[in-house]
Amino acid sequence: IISGAGVFVTGGTITNPEERTAGITGGVARRVEAGDFVILPPGTPHWFREIEGSIIYVETRFNTGP
């Protein structure tokens, strides 16, 4: 997280795959802020449930396939 803060939810089940803003059922919610980083295994449901003002983050993806 470069700047800002919010509540980030990981795991659980995507409530409605057709409506991504519907959120996640279950999962673990954590407050994240500038200086934090998150590592997610491929296929892990995740979303920002709350954003305090605005948030800037960098996302990097790695090819984990054969």
C-alpha atoms as a PDB file:
ATOM      1  CA  ILE A   1       0.000   0.000   0.000  1.00  0.00           C
ATOM      2  CA  ILE A   2       1.584   3.277  -1.112  1.00  0.00           C
ATOM      3  CA  SER A   3      -0.878   5.615   0.615  1.00  0.00           C
ATOM      4  CA  GLY A   4      -4.258   5.504   2.302  1.00  0.00           C
ATOM      5  CA  ALA A   5      -5.933   2.784   4.336  1.00  0.00           C
ATOM      6  CA  GLY A   6      -8.933   0.490   4.333  1.00  0.00           C
ATOM      7  CA  VAL A   7     -10.364  -2.880   5.280  1.00  0.00           C
ATOM      8  CA  PHE A   8      -9.212  -5.686   2.995  1.00  0.00           C
ATOM      9  CA  VAL A   9     -11.037  -9.032   3.028  1.00  0.00           C
ATOM     10  CA  THR A  10      -9.371 -12.265   1.885  1.00  0.00           C
ATOM     11  CA  GLY A  11     -10.701 -15.806   1.575  1.00  0.00           C
ATOM     12  CA  GLY A  12     -14.338 -16.763   1.920  1.00  0.00           C
ATOM     13  CA  THR A  13     -16.686 -17.021  -1.037  1.00  0.00           C
ATOM     14  CA  ILE A  14     -17.535 -14.410  -3.654  1.00  0.00           C
ATOM     15  CA  THR A  15     -21.157 -13.535  -2.899  1.00  0.00           C
ATOM     16  CA  ASN A  16     -22.208 -12.931  -6.502  1.00  0.00           C
ATOM     17  CA  PRO A  17     -19.609 -13.484  -9.261  1.00  0.00           C
ATOM     18  CA  GLU A  18     -21.764 -11.437 -11.666  1.00  0.00           C
ATOM     19  CA  GLU A  19     -21.709  -8.403  -9.305  1.00  0.00           C
ATOM     20  CA  ARG A  20     -18.182  -8.043  -7.959  1.00  0.00           C
ATOM     21  CA  THR A  21     -19.141  -5.167  -5.652  1.00  0.00           C
ATOM     22  CA  ALA A  22     -21.480  -7.512  -3.737  1.00  0.00           C
ATOM     23  CA  GLY A  23     -18.487  -8.593  -1.656  1.00  0.00           C
ATOM     24  CA  ILE A  24     -17.361 -11.767  -0.005  1.00  0.00           C
ATOM     25  CA  THR A  25     -19.173 -14.048   2.430  1.00  0.00           C
ATOM     26  CA  GLY A  26     -16.881 -15.181   5.210  1.00  0.00           C
ATOM     27  CA  GLY A  27     -13.194 -14.538   4.835  1.00  0.00           C
ATOM     28  CA  VAL A  28     -10.904 -12.553   7.084  1.00  0.00           C
ATOM     29  CA  ALA A  29     -11.050  -8.758   7.283  1.00  0.00           C
ATOM     30  CA  ARG A  30      -7.902  -6.778   8.089  1.00  0.00           C
ATOM     31  CA  ARG A  31      -7.209  -3.075   8.179  1.00  0.00           C
ATOM     32  CA  VAL A  32      -4.326  -2.243   5.833  1.00  0.00           C
ATOM     33  CA  GLU A  33      -2.456   1.043   5.512  1.00  0.00           C
ATOM     34  CA  ALA A  34       0.552   2.656   3.856  1.00  0.00           C
ATOM     35  CA  GLY A  35       3.598   0.419   4.216  1.00  0.00           C
ATOM     36  CA  ASP A  36       1.637  -2.837   4.397  1.00  0.00           C
ATOM     37  CA  PHE A  37       1.754  -5.527   1.736  1.00  0.00           C
ATOM     38  CA  VAL A  38      -0.451  -8.527   1.014  1.00  0.00           C
ATOM     39  CA  ILE A  39       0.520 -11.778  -0.692  1.00  0.00           C
ATOM     40  CA  LEU A  40      -2.376 -13.807  -2.082  1.00  0.00           C
ATOM     41  CA  PRO A  41      -2.218 -17.351  -3.437  1.00  0.00           C
ATOM     42  CA  PRO A  42      -3.745 -17.667  -6.927  1.00  0.00           C
ATOM     43  CA  GLY A  43      -7.539 -17.877  -6.890  1.00  0.00           C
ATOM     44  CA  THR A  44      -7.975 -16.330  -3.428  1.00  0.00           C
ATOM     45  CA  PRO A  45     -11.119 -14.172  -3.242  1.00  0.00           C
ATOM     46  CA  HIS A  46     -10.260 -10.638  -2.106  1.00  0.00           C
ATOM     47  CA  TRP A  47     -11.695  -7.113  -2.062  1.00  0.00           C
ATOM     48  CA  PHE A  48     -11.637  -3.808  -0.224  1.00  0.00           C
ATOM     49  CA  ARG A  49     -14.724  -3.732   1.999  1.00  0.00           C
ATOM     50  CA  GLU A  50     -13.958  -0.170   3.119  1.00  0.00           C
ATOM     51  CA  ILE A  51     -11.601   2.507   1.865  1.00  0.00           C
ATOM     52  CA  GLU A  52     -10.761   5.457   4.088  1.00  0.00           C
ATOM     53  CA  GLY A  53     -10.856   8.325   1.579  1.00  0.00           C
ATOM     54  CA  SER A  54      -8.644   6.965  -1.182  1.00  0.00           C
ATOM     55  CA  ILE A  55      -5.988   4.301  -1.476  1.00  0.00           C
ATOM     56  CA  ILE A  56      -3.032   3.862  -3.815  1.00  0.00           C
ATOM     57  CA  TYR A  57      -1.429   0.447  -4.178  1.00  0.00           C
ATOM     58  CA  VAL A  58       0.894  -1.428  -6.505  1.00  0.00           C
ATOM     59  CA  GLU A  59      -0.132  -4.844  -7.779  1.00  0.00           C
ATOM     60  CA  THR A  60       2.350  -7.402  -9.093  1.00  0.00           C
ATOM     61  CA  ARG A  61       1.325 -10.760 -10.525  1.00  0.00           C
ATOM     62  CA  PHE A  62       3.574 -13.722 -11.060  1.00  0.00           C
ATOM     63  CA  ASN A  63       2.978 -16.574 -13.502  1.00  0.00           C
ATOM     64  CA  THR A  64       2.638 -19.651 -11.306  1.00  0.00           C
ATOM     65  CA  GLY A  65       1.667 -22.053 -14.079  1.00  0.00           C
ATOM     66  CA  PRO A  66       3.817 -24.532 -15.976  1.00  0.00           C
END
